[in-house]
Every structure is written in C-alpha cells, then in structure tokens.
C-alpha cells in the first residue's frame, strides 16, 4: 500500500508539473504571438523605454523628448527618444529592434531550429546597427549626437545574440552605436541625470556670484550717496555753529544792554548752543 501510495503521489506530482509546463508553454506562445504584431511590440518598447527614463529621474520635455521628427534628404527620421545633455549635446535612442528571429527561437521544435533562429537574431541586430550608422542623425538633428543607442526592451534579447556574435558590441561601438538593455540604459541615464544635477549646482553657483556682485555694486552706490549726505549734514552743522557764534558775538551783547537800560520784556532770549559735529558713518562707507 505504501508503494502504491507513493506511486500515486508521484503520478499526481507529474501531472501537476505537466499541467504547469503546458500552461507556461501556452502563455509563452500567446506572448510570442502578441509580440509579433508590430503595433504591440512597438508600444511595449516605447512604454519600457519611457519607464526606464522616468526611473532614472529624468523629466519629459526637460531632460528628454519622445518621438521627435527630423527631416533628412527627403525622408523623416523619428528616434524614439532624444536625451538632452548639458552644453547642448544629445543622445539619440532608437527602440525599433528586430525581434522576430528571437521569437522564432522560442517556438522552435528542435535545438537545430532554435540555434539557427538565434544566429539569425544576432545577424539582424548587427544589420540594425549598420542601418542606424547609415542614418543621417548627425545632419538632420542640427547638432552632433554623442552616440546613438539601440535599445532592446529586455535583458534576454541581448545575451543570446552575444553568444552567437561575441564581437557585436565592439562592432556597434566602432560605429558610435551602443546596444543597451534596460539595465544598461538606466545606468547611462542615471549618469546623465547626475550630470544635470551637477550642471544645476554650477548654474546656481554662477547666479549667486552674479547676485553677490550686483548687490556689492548697489551697496557701493548707496554708500556713496550716504557719504555725500553726511558731508552735507556736516556742512549744515558748521553753518549753524557759525551763525550761533556770530549771534553771540555781534547780536546778544546789544540785546543784553537793552535789559540793563531798563527795557524789559516778558520773554527771555534763549541760550543757543553749538551742535556736535560728530556723525556715525556706516561701516560699508568706512571700508571704502
């Protein structure tokens, strides 16, 4: 009975595994069929590309531009993403990657058919690199992009191609093309985002320096006005003290004689004292 029970458990486990495999095969086939539709595959690539850009901390229309159009020699170029760099530089990202051969490998019935499909996948990627290198992005954009990125929307698209064509990345880089998976592109865009933050800090430092110089110039102007006003006040005090001295010497003695001669008045002439000439000078004026 124990043997029969164990055998029955194994049969049930095998049935469960088989059912799971069949379900996985069915889901893989459905996904493969969906990705064979250009619209679905294109939309998936665009969404993946945008998600990578957003996760990297980049802002649409500020740090990158989607689906820009450029005319070149009678044709229209539409890169999927244009990444803005400091100092008016750009990185062009193209997500129109051929994936049919890789999808064929997922549906292959034999290892020989799968190997042939993956070899074709690697060749198509190399052809796409050459096609991007021939595109006139350098002329159409009005500026020279640092390089063009060929974006693969999944890590699993690149590994098999490199196994078939180990020199694929070197071939692409020699033509100023970078083949990037989501992880590779995210690393690149994180570096770009960091560069933008450094650029912003540098710009803020420049503005602070300009504002400081402008404030210093205004303070110098204000201090010169204040200095002239102080001199004018000093001259006014000198004039006042001079008039008081003249009054004491020339007028007040005669006025006091009237009182001595019996001419009285209900009002007393007040004593007029001189004013202190010392003034407080602002420290900024003193430093000048």
C-alpha atoms as a PDB file:
ATOM      1  CA  UNK A   1       0.000   0.000   0.000  1.00  0.00           C
ATOM      2  CA  UNK A   2       2.829   2.383   0.834  1.00  0.00           C
ATOM      3  CA  UNK A   3       4.418   1.743  -2.544  1.00  0.00           C
ATOM      4  CA  UNK A   4       1.127   2.260  -4.306  1.00  0.00           C
ATOM      5  CA  UNK A   5       0.534   5.456  -2.326  1.00  0.00           C
ATOM      6  CA  UNK A   6       3.963   6.802  -3.190  1.00  0.00           C
ATOM      7  CA  UNK A   7       3.440   5.881  -6.826  1.00  0.00           C
ATOM      8  CA  UNK A   8       0.086   7.648  -6.834  1.00  0.00           C
ATOM      9  CA  UNK A   9       1.656  10.767  -5.284  1.00  0.00           C
ATOM     10  CA  UNK A  10       4.378  10.779  -7.906  1.00  0.00           C
ATOM     11  CA  UNK A  11       1.815  10.435 -10.689  1.00  0.00           C
ATOM     12  CA  UNK A  12      -0.155  13.351  -9.246  1.00  0.00           C
ATOM     13  CA  UNK A  13       3.022  15.445  -8.955  1.00  0.00           C
ATOM     14  CA  UNK A  14       3.991  14.631 -12.539  1.00  0.00           C
ATOM     15  CA  UNK A  15       0.512  15.577 -13.700  1.00  0.00           C
ATOM     16  CA  UNK A  16       0.782  18.911 -11.876  1.00  0.00           C
ATOM     17  CA  UNK A  17       4.217  19.603 -13.382  1.00  0.00           C
ATOM     18  CA  UNK A  18       2.973  18.679 -16.848  1.00  0.00           C
ATOM     19  CA  UNK A  19      -0.047  20.934 -16.447  1.00  0.00           C
ATOM     20  CA  UNK A  20       2.212  23.799 -15.324  1.00  0.00           C
ATOM     21  CA  UNK A  21       4.549  23.271 -18.262  1.00  0.00           C
ATOM     22  CA  UNK A  22       1.653  23.208 -20.695  1.00  0.00           C
ATOM     23  CA  UNK A  23       0.277  26.409 -19.167  1.00  0.00           C
ATOM     24  CA  UNK A  24       3.694  28.084 -19.378  1.00  0.00           C
ATOM     25  CA  UNK A  25       4.091  26.988 -22.988  1.00  0.00           C
ATOM     26  CA  UNK A  26       0.652  28.362 -23.774  1.00  0.00           C
ATOM     27  CA  UNK A  27       1.375  31.707 -22.108  1.00  0.00           C
ATOM     28  CA  UNK A  28       4.743  31.920 -23.848  1.00  0.00           C
ATOM     29  CA  UNK A  29       3.102  31.194 -27.181  1.00  0.00           C
ATOM     30  CA  UNK A  30       0.453  33.878 -26.525  1.00  0.00           C
ATOM     31  CA  UNK A  31       3.129  36.416 -25.596  1.00  0.00           C
ATOM     32  CA  UNK A  32       5.176  35.467 -28.633  1.00  0.00           C
ATOM     33  CA  UNK A  33       2.203  35.876 -30.935  1.00  0.00           C
ATOM     34  CA  UNK A  34       1.377  39.252 -29.386  1.00  0.00           C
ATOM     35  CA  UNK A  35       4.952  40.489 -29.806  1.00  0.00           C
ATOM     36  CA  UNK A  36       4.894  39.529 -33.465  1.00  0.00           C
ATOM     37  CA  UNK A  37       2.337  42.296 -34.011  1.00  0.00           C
ATOM     38  CA  UNK A  38       4.345  45.434 -34.885  1.00  0.00           C
ATOM     39  CA  UNK A  39       1.944  47.754 -33.059  1.00  0.00           C
ATOM     40  CA  UNK A  40       2.048  45.721 -29.843  1.00  0.00           C
ATOM     41  CA  UNK A  41       5.810  45.275 -29.981  1.00  0.00           C
ATOM     42  CA  UNK A  42       6.356  48.957 -30.742  1.00  0.00           C
ATOM     43  CA  UNK A  43       4.097  50.081 -27.923  1.00  0.00           C
ATOM     44  CA  UNK A  44       5.785  47.700 -25.493  1.00  0.00           C
ATOM     45  CA  UNK A  45       9.191  49.053 -26.465  1.00  0.00           C
ATOM     46  CA  UNK A  46       8.012  52.661 -26.078  1.00  0.00           C
ATOM     47  CA  UNK A  47       6.488  52.040 -22.642  1.00  0.00           C
ATOM     48  CA  UNK A  48       9.588  50.195 -21.465  1.00  0.00           C
ATOM     49  CA  UNK A  49      11.808  52.994 -22.754  1.00  0.00           C
ATOM     50  CA  UNK A  50       9.734  55.691 -21.054  1.00  0.00           C
ATOM     51  CA  UNK A  51       9.645  53.740 -17.796  1.00  0.00           C
ATOM     52  CA  UNK A  52      13.420  53.402 -17.811  1.00  0.00           C
ATOM     53  CA  UNK A  53      13.781  57.167 -18.412  1.00  0.00           C
ATOM     54  CA  UNK A  54      11.395  58.026 -15.568  1.00  0.00           C
ATOM     55  CA  UNK A  55      13.015  55.580 -13.137  1.00  0.00           C
ATOM     56  CA  UNK A  56      16.340  57.247 -13.925  1.00  0.00           C
ATOM     57  CA  UNK A  57      14.963  60.543 -12.595  1.00  0.00           C
ATOM     58  CA  UNK A  58      14.572  62.247 -15.962  1.00  0.00           C
ATOM     59  CA  UNK A  59      11.706  64.643 -16.748  1.00  0.00           C
ATOM     60  CA  UNK A  60       9.820  64.632 -20.057  1.00  0.00           C
ATOM     61  CA  UNK A  61      10.308  67.723 -22.261  1.00  0.00           C
ATOM     62  CA  UNK A  62      13.046  68.876 -19.920  1.00  0.00           C
ATOM     63  CA  UNK A  63      15.617  66.078 -19.868  1.00  0.00           C
ATOM     64  CA  UNK A  64      14.312  64.024 -22.796  1.00  0.00           C
ATOM     65  CA  UNK A  65      11.945  64.239 -25.771  1.00  0.00           C
ATOM     66  CA  UNK A  66       9.875  61.386 -27.185  1.00  0.00           C
ATOM     67  CA  UNK A  67       9.022  60.697 -30.840  1.00  0.00           C
ATOM     68  CA  UNK A  68      10.729  63.785 -32.232  1.00  0.00           C
ATOM     69  CA  UNK A  69      10.670  64.148 -36.037  1.00  0.00           C
ATOM     70  CA  UNK A  70      13.505  65.395 -38.225  1.00  0.00           C
ATOM     71  CA  UNK A  71      13.645  65.783 -41.994  1.00  0.00           C
ATOM     72  CA  UNK A  72      16.702  64.448 -43.804  1.00  0.00           C
ATOM     73  CA  UNK A  73      17.230  64.192 -47.564  1.00  0.00           C
ATOM     74  CA  UNK A  74      13.544  63.859 -48.353  1.00  0.00           C
ATOM     75  CA  UNK A  75      12.816  61.354 -45.574  1.00  0.00           C
ATOM     76  CA  UNK A  76      11.705  61.723 -41.969  1.00  0.00           C
ATOM     77  CA  UNK A  77      13.722  60.404 -39.046  1.00  0.00           C
ATOM     78  CA  UNK A  78      11.824  59.558 -35.858  1.00  0.00           C
ATOM     79  CA  UNK A  79      14.070  58.495 -32.984  1.00  0.00           C
ATOM     80  CA  UNK A  80      12.098  57.065 -30.081  1.00  0.00           C
ATOM     81  CA  UNK A  81      13.922  59.199 -27.539  1.00  0.00           C
ATOM     82  CA  UNK A  82      16.288  62.160 -27.620  1.00  0.00           C
ATOM     83  CA  UNK A  83      18.138  62.661 -24.341  1.00  0.00           C
ATOM     84  CA  UNK A  84      19.320  66.199 -23.639  1.00  0.00           C
ATOM     85  CA  UNK A  85      22.793  66.648 -22.172  1.00  0.00           C
ATOM     86  CA  UNK A  86      24.427  69.774 -20.726  1.00  0.00           C
ATOM     87  CA  UNK A  87      26.121  72.141 -23.171  1.00  0.00           C
ATOM     88  CA  UNK A  88      23.587  71.484 -25.981  1.00  0.00           C
ATOM     89  CA  UNK A  89      24.620  67.857 -26.524  1.00  0.00           C
ATOM     90  CA  UNK A  90      22.263  64.972 -27.275  1.00  0.00           C
ATOM     91  CA  UNK A  91      21.928  61.181 -27.175  1.00  0.00           C
ATOM     92  CA  UNK A  92      19.595  59.540 -29.693  1.00  0.00           C
ATOM     93  CA  UNK A  93      17.766  56.354 -28.620  1.00  0.00           C
ATOM     94  CA  UNK A  94      16.176  54.027 -31.180  1.00  0.00           C
ATOM     95  CA  UNK A  95      13.926  51.186 -29.967  1.00  0.00           C
ATOM     96  CA  UNK A  96      12.969  49.762 -33.372  1.00  0.00           C
ATOM     97  CA  UNK A  97      14.782  46.480 -32.824  1.00  0.00           C
ATOM     98  CA  UNK A  98      14.112  43.351 -34.933  1.00  0.00           C
ATOM     99  CA  UNK A  99      12.881  40.596 -32.603  1.00  0.00           C
ATOM    100  CA  UNK A 100      11.153  38.126 -34.937  1.00  0.00           C
ATOM    101  CA  UNK A 101      14.144  35.772 -35.097  1.00  0.00           C
ATOM    102  CA  UNK A 102      14.370  35.627 -31.308  1.00  0.00           C
ATOM    103  CA  UNK A 103      10.631  34.927 -31.101  1.00  0.00           C
ATOM    104  CA  UNK A 104      11.139  32.137 -33.643  1.00  0.00           C
ATOM    105  CA  UNK A 105      13.696  30.578 -31.305  1.00  0.00           C
ATOM    106  CA  UNK A 106      11.092  30.433 -28.534  1.00  0.00           C
ATOM    107  CA  UNK A 107       8.771  28.410 -30.758  1.00  0.00           C
ATOM    108  CA  UNK A 108      11.463  26.141 -32.206  1.00  0.00           C
ATOM    109  CA  UNK A 109      10.716  22.424 -32.042  1.00  0.00           C
ATOM    110  CA  UNK A 110      14.351  21.316 -32.189  1.00  0.00           C
ATOM    111  CA  UNK A 111      17.670  22.622 -30.932  1.00  0.00           C
ATOM    112  CA  UNK A 112      18.896  22.946 -34.536  1.00  0.00           C
ATOM    113  CA  UNK A 113      15.993  25.233 -35.456  1.00  0.00           C
ATOM    114  CA  UNK A 114      16.483  27.223 -32.242  1.00  0.00           C
ATOM    115  CA  UNK A 115      20.214  27.656 -32.894  1.00  0.00           C
ATOM    116  CA  UNK A 116      19.545  28.814 -36.459  1.00  0.00           C
ATOM    117  CA  UNK A 117      16.948  31.316 -35.218  1.00  0.00           C
ATOM    118  CA  UNK A 118      19.328  32.751 -32.613  1.00  0.00           C
ATOM    119  CA  UNK A 119      22.104  33.030 -35.205  1.00  0.00           C
ATOM    120  CA  UNK A 120      19.688  34.947 -37.425  1.00  0.00           C
ATOM    121  CA  UNK A 121      18.728  37.117 -34.422  1.00  0.00           C
ATOM    122  CA  UNK A 122      22.373  38.112 -33.915  1.00  0.00           C
ATOM    123  CA  UNK A 123      22.804  38.859 -37.612  1.00  0.00           C
ATOM    124  CA  UNK A 124      19.670  41.038 -37.670  1.00  0.00           C
ATOM    125  CA  UNK A 125      20.947  43.033 -34.697  1.00  0.00           C
ATOM    126  CA  UNK A 126      24.260  43.606 -36.494  1.00  0.00           C
ATOM    127  CA  UNK A 127      22.359  44.683 -39.620  1.00  0.00           C
ATOM    128  CA  UNK A 128      20.289  47.077 -37.497  1.00  0.00           C
ATOM    129  CA  UNK A 129      23.476  48.578 -36.085  1.00  0.00           C
ATOM    130  CA  UNK A 130      24.776  49.184 -39.614  1.00  0.00           C
ATOM    131  CA  UNK A 131      21.427  50.693 -40.620  1.00  0.00           C
ATOM    132  CA  UNK A 132      21.478  53.135 -37.697  1.00  0.00           C
ATOM    133  CA  UNK A 133      25.061  54.085 -38.528  1.00  0.00           C
ATOM    134  CA  UNK A 134      23.961  54.981 -42.064  1.00  0.00           C
ATOM    135  CA  UNK A 135      21.083  57.175 -40.859  1.00  0.00           C
ATOM    136  CA  UNK A 136      21.721  60.892 -41.135  1.00  0.00           C
ATOM    137  CA  UNK A 137      21.012  61.739 -37.489  1.00  0.00           C
ATOM    138  CA  UNK A 138      24.224  63.760 -37.428  1.00  0.00           C
ATOM    139  CA  UNK A 139      22.938  66.012 -40.249  1.00  0.00           C
ATOM    140  CA  UNK A 140      19.191  66.023 -39.538  1.00  0.00           C
ATOM    141  CA  UNK A 141      19.311  66.997 -35.875  1.00  0.00           C
ATOM    142  CA  UNK A 142      21.268  70.177 -36.458  1.00  0.00           C
ATOM    143  CA  UNK A 143      23.787  69.060 -33.851  1.00  0.00           C
ATOM    144  CA  UNK A 144      26.124  66.127 -33.422  1.00  0.00           C
ATOM    145  CA  UNK A 145      24.769  63.454 -31.060  1.00  0.00           C
ATOM    146  CA  UNK A 146      27.339  61.903 -28.783  1.00  0.00           C
ATOM    147  CA  UNK A 147      26.186  58.478 -29.948  1.00  0.00           C
ATOM    148  CA  UNK A 148      23.061  56.533 -30.900  1.00  0.00           C
ATOM    149  CA  UNK A 149      21.600  53.918 -28.551  1.00  0.00           C
ATOM    150  CA  UNK A 150      19.958  50.794 -29.974  1.00  0.00           C
ATOM    151  CA  UNK A 151      17.537  49.872 -27.189  1.00  0.00           C
ATOM    152  CA  UNK A 152      16.467  46.286 -26.525  1.00  0.00           C
ATOM    153  CA  UNK A 153      13.328  46.186 -24.320  1.00  0.00           C
ATOM    154  CA  UNK A 154      14.502  43.111 -22.376  1.00  0.00           C
ATOM    155  CA  UNK A 155      17.745  41.733 -20.984  1.00  0.00           C
ATOM    156  CA  UNK A 156      17.016  38.349 -22.574  1.00  0.00           C
ATOM    157  CA  UNK A 157      17.245  39.737 -26.129  1.00  0.00           C
ATOM    158  CA  UNK A 158      20.922  40.676 -25.832  1.00  0.00           C
ATOM    159  CA  UNK A 159      22.520  37.644 -24.169  1.00  0.00           C
ATOM    160  CA  UNK A 160      21.710  35.074 -26.889  1.00  0.00           C
ATOM    161  CA  UNK A 161      22.864  37.487 -29.602  1.00  0.00           C
ATOM    162  CA  UNK A 162      26.230  37.955 -27.873  1.00  0.00           C
ATOM    163  CA  UNK A 163      26.620  34.197 -27.572  1.00  0.00           C
ATOM    164  CA  UNK A 164      26.275  33.941 -31.343  1.00  0.00           C
ATOM    165  CA  UNK A 165      28.256  37.099 -32.173  1.00  0.00           C
ATOM    166  CA  UNK A 166      30.820  37.897 -29.474  1.00  0.00           C
ATOM    167  CA  UNK A 167      32.105  40.956 -31.393  1.00  0.00           C
ATOM    168  CA  UNK A 168      28.673  42.545 -31.784  1.00  0.00           C
ATOM    169  CA  UNK A 169      29.177  45.189 -29.076  1.00  0.00           C
ATOM    170  CA  UNK A 170      32.645  46.143 -30.384  1.00  0.00           C
ATOM    171  CA  UNK A 171      31.285  46.363 -33.927  1.00  0.00           C
ATOM    172  CA  UNK A 172      28.483  48.653 -32.758  1.00  0.00           C
ATOM    173  CA  UNK A 173      30.717  50.856 -30.629  1.00  0.00           C
ATOM    174  CA  UNK A 174      33.078  51.376 -33.546  1.00  0.00           C
ATOM    175  CA  UNK A 175      30.152  52.935 -35.405  1.00  0.00           C
ATOM    176  CA  UNK A 176      29.170  55.091 -32.384  1.00  0.00           C
ATOM    177  CA  UNK A 177      26.212  52.819 -31.659  1.00  0.00           C
ATOM    178  CA  UNK A 178      25.594  51.457 -28.152  1.00  0.00           C
ATOM    179  CA  UNK A 179      23.396  48.372 -27.790  1.00  0.00           C
ATOM    180  CA  UNK A 180      21.603  48.804 -24.474  1.00  0.00           C
ATOM    181  CA  UNK A 181      19.272  46.640 -22.438  1.00  0.00           C
ATOM    182  CA  UNK A 182      17.004  48.316 -19.835  1.00  0.00           C
ATOM    183  CA  UNK A 183      19.642  47.921 -17.098  1.00  0.00           C
ATOM    184  CA  UNK A 184      22.400  49.331 -19.319  1.00  0.00           C
ATOM    185  CA  UNK A 185      20.277  52.264 -20.462  1.00  0.00           C
ATOM    186  CA  UNK A 186      19.201  53.013 -16.887  1.00  0.00           C
ATOM    187  CA  UNK A 187      22.849  53.187 -15.823  1.00  0.00           C
ATOM    188  CA  UNK A 188      23.540  55.563 -18.695  1.00  0.00           C
ATOM    189  CA  UNK A 189      20.541  57.782 -17.916  1.00  0.00           C
ATOM    190  CA  UNK A 190      21.357  57.835 -14.195  1.00  0.00           C
ATOM    191  CA  UNK A 191      24.760  59.212 -15.154  1.00  0.00           C
ATOM    192  CA  UNK A 192      23.069  61.814 -17.369  1.00  0.00           C
ATOM    193  CA  UNK A 193      20.670  62.785 -14.552  1.00  0.00           C
ATOM    194  CA  UNK A 194      23.640  63.181 -12.195  1.00  0.00           C
ATOM    195  CA  UNK A 195      25.328  65.373 -14.799  1.00  0.00           C
ATOM    196  CA  UNK A 196      22.219  67.566 -14.954  1.00  0.00           C
ATOM    197  CA  UNK A 197      22.227  67.949 -11.158  1.00  0.00           C
ATOM    198  CA  UNK A 198      25.880  68.955 -11.246  1.00  0.00           C
ATOM    199  CA  UNK A 199      25.103  71.393 -14.051  1.00  0.00           C
ATOM    200  CA  UNK A 200      22.264  72.890 -11.988  1.00  0.00           C
ATOM    201  CA  UNK A 201      24.550  73.303  -8.980  1.00  0.00           C
ATOM    202  CA  UNK A 202      27.130  75.015 -11.181  1.00  0.00           C
ATOM    203  CA  UNK A 203      24.453  77.286 -12.661  1.00  0.00           C
ATOM    204  CA  UNK A 204      23.166  78.176  -9.184  1.00  0.00           C
ATOM    205  CA  UNK A 205      26.707  78.994  -8.049  1.00  0.00           C
ATOM    206  CA  UNK A 206      27.143  81.257 -11.079  1.00  0.00           C
ATOM    207  CA  UNK A 207      23.850  83.055 -10.344  1.00  0.00           C
ATOM    208  CA  UNK A 208      24.805  83.503  -6.680  1.00  0.00           C
ATOM    209  CA  UNK A 209      28.122  85.019  -7.765  1.00  0.00           C
ATOM    210  CA  UNK A 210      26.356  87.409 -10.149  1.00  0.00           C
ATOM    211  CA  UNK A 211      23.808  88.388  -7.493  1.00  0.00           C
ATOM    212  CA  UNK A 212      26.597  88.986  -4.966  1.00  0.00           C
ATOM    213  CA  UNK A 213      28.468  91.242  -7.393  1.00  0.00           C
ATOM    214  CA  UNK A 214      25.275  93.141  -8.218  1.00  0.00           C
ATOM    215  CA  UNK A 215      24.469  93.579  -4.512  1.00  0.00           C
ATOM    216  CA  UNK A 216      28.003  94.818  -3.810  1.00  0.00           C
ATOM    217  CA  UNK A 217      27.757  97.356  -6.648  1.00  0.00           C
ATOM    218  CA  UNK A 218      24.421  98.605  -5.307  1.00  0.00           C
ATOM    219  CA  UNK A 219      25.820  98.883  -1.785  1.00  0.00           C
ATOM    220  CA  UNK A 220      28.738 100.926  -3.120  1.00  0.00           C
ATOM    221  CA  UNK A 221      26.316 103.291  -4.860  1.00  0.00           C
ATOM    222  CA  UNK A 222      24.179 103.581  -1.735  1.00  0.00           C
ATOM    223  CA  UNK A 223      27.254 104.197   0.460  1.00  0.00           C
ATOM    224  CA  UNK A 224      28.476 106.985  -1.841  1.00  0.00           C
ATOM    225  CA  UNK A 225      25.071 108.696  -1.571  1.00  0.00           C
ATOM    226  CA  UNK A 226      25.142 108.265   2.197  1.00  0.00           C
ATOM    227  CA  UNK A 227      28.657 109.681   2.386  1.00  0.00           C
ATOM    228  CA  UNK A 228      27.642 112.781   0.424  1.00  0.00           C
ATOM    229  CA  UNK A 229      24.621 113.219   2.685  1.00  0.00           C
ATOM    230  CA  UNK A 230      26.893 113.003   5.751  1.00  0.00           C
ATOM    231  CA  UNK A 231      29.185 115.687   4.320  1.00  0.00           C
ATOM    232  CA  UNK A 232      26.168 117.878   3.604  1.00  0.00           C
ATOM    233  CA  UNK A 233      24.952 117.425   7.188  1.00  0.00           C
ATOM    234  CA  UNK A 234      28.441 118.317   8.447  1.00  0.00           C
ATOM    235  CA  UNK A 235      28.415 121.498   6.358  1.00  0.00           C
ATOM    236  CA  UNK A 236      24.969 122.356   7.734  1.00  0.00           C
ATOM    237  CA  UNK A 237      26.247 121.893  11.313  1.00  0.00           C
ATOM    238  CA  UNK A 238      29.251 124.127  10.529  1.00  0.00           C
ATOM    239  CA  UNK A 239      26.929 126.796   9.142  1.00  0.00           C
ATOM    240  CA  UNK A 240      24.653 126.527  12.186  1.00  0.00           C
ATOM    241  CA  UNK A 241      27.534 126.760  14.661  1.00  0.00           C
ATOM    242  CA  UNK A 242      28.971 129.705  12.723  1.00  0.00           C
ATOM    243  CA  UNK A 243      25.680 131.562  12.879  1.00  0.00           C
ATOM    244  CA  UNK A 244      25.404 130.840  16.618  1.00  0.00           C
ATOM    245  CA  UNK A 245      28.891 132.235  17.187  1.00  0.00           C
ATOM    246  CA  UNK A 246      28.101 135.325  15.143  1.00  0.00           C
ATOM    247  CA  UNK A 247      24.892 135.802  17.139  1.00  0.00           C
ATOM    248  CA  UNK A 248      26.736 135.555  20.459  1.00  0.00           C
ATOM    249  CA  UNK A 249      29.438 137.954  19.386  1.00  0.00           C
ATOM    250  CA  UNK A 250      27.515 140.576  17.450  1.00  0.00           C
ATOM    251  CA  UNK A 251      23.867 140.487  18.485  1.00  0.00           C
ATOM    252  CA  UNK A 252      23.453 139.184  22.020  1.00  0.00           C
ATOM    253  CA  UNK A 253      25.666 141.823  23.730  1.00  0.00           C
ATOM    254  CA  UNK A 254      23.450 144.624  22.362  1.00  0.00           C
ATOM    255  CA  UNK A 255      20.297 142.743  23.330  1.00  0.00           C
ATOM    256  CA  UNK A 256      21.545 142.408  26.917  1.00  0.00           C
ATOM    257  CA  UNK A 257      22.268 146.169  27.056  1.00  0.00           C
ATOM    258  CA  UNK A 258      18.560 146.837  26.461  1.00  0.00           C
ATOM    259  CA  UNK A 259      17.749 144.961  29.652  1.00  0.00           C
ATOM    260  CA  UNK A 260      20.406 146.862  31.578  1.00  0.00           C
ATOM    261  CA  UNK A 261      18.863 150.157  30.379  1.00  0.00           C
ATOM    262  CA  UNK A 262      15.505 149.195  31.844  1.00  0.00           C
ATOM    263  CA  UNK A 263      13.802 147.886  28.771  1.00  0.00           C
ATOM    264  CA  UNK A 264      12.126 144.750  29.938  1.00  0.00           C
ATOM    265  CA  UNK A 265      10.378 142.017  28.022  1.00  0.00           C
ATOM    266  CA  UNK A 266       8.145 139.160  29.082  1.00  0.00           C
ATOM    267  CA  UNK A 267      10.185 136.756  27.016  1.00  0.00           C
ATOM    268  CA  UNK A 268      13.723 135.680  27.643  1.00  0.00           C
ATOM    269  CA  UNK A 269      16.105 135.185  24.751  1.00  0.00           C
ATOM    270  CA  UNK A 270      17.060 131.509  24.899  1.00  0.00           C
ATOM    271  CA  UNK A 271      20.673 130.478  25.033  1.00  0.00           C
ATOM    272  CA  UNK A 272      21.810 128.941  21.765  1.00  0.00           C
ATOM    273  CA  UNK A 273      24.485 126.316  21.974  1.00  0.00           C
ATOM    274  CA  UNK A 274      26.563 124.851  19.172  1.00  0.00           C
ATOM    275  CA  UNK A 275      25.850 121.383  17.752  1.00  0.00           C
ATOM    276  CA  UNK A 276      28.149 118.380  17.997  1.00  0.00           C
ATOM    277  CA  UNK A 277      29.524 117.668  14.530  1.00  0.00           C
ATOM    278  CA  UNK A 278      30.405 114.019  15.112  1.00  0.00           C
ATOM    279  CA  UNK A 279      28.358 111.708  12.847  1.00  0.00           C
ATOM    280  CA  UNK A 280      28.105 107.908  12.680  1.00  0.00           C
ATOM    281  CA  UNK A 281      29.401 106.632   9.386  1.00  0.00           C
ATOM    282  CA  UNK A 282      28.116 103.252   8.061  1.00  0.00           C
ATOM    283  CA  UNK A 283      30.782 100.549   8.139  1.00  0.00           C
ATOM    284  CA  UNK A 284      30.496  99.946   4.395  1.00  0.00           C
ATOM    285  CA  UNK A 285      31.328 103.592   3.770  1.00  0.00           C
ATOM    286  CA  UNK A 286      34.274 103.343   6.152  1.00  0.00           C
ATOM    287  CA  UNK A 287      35.602 100.284   4.281  1.00  0.00           C
ATOM    288  CA  UNK A 288      35.530 102.199   1.036  1.00  0.00           C
END
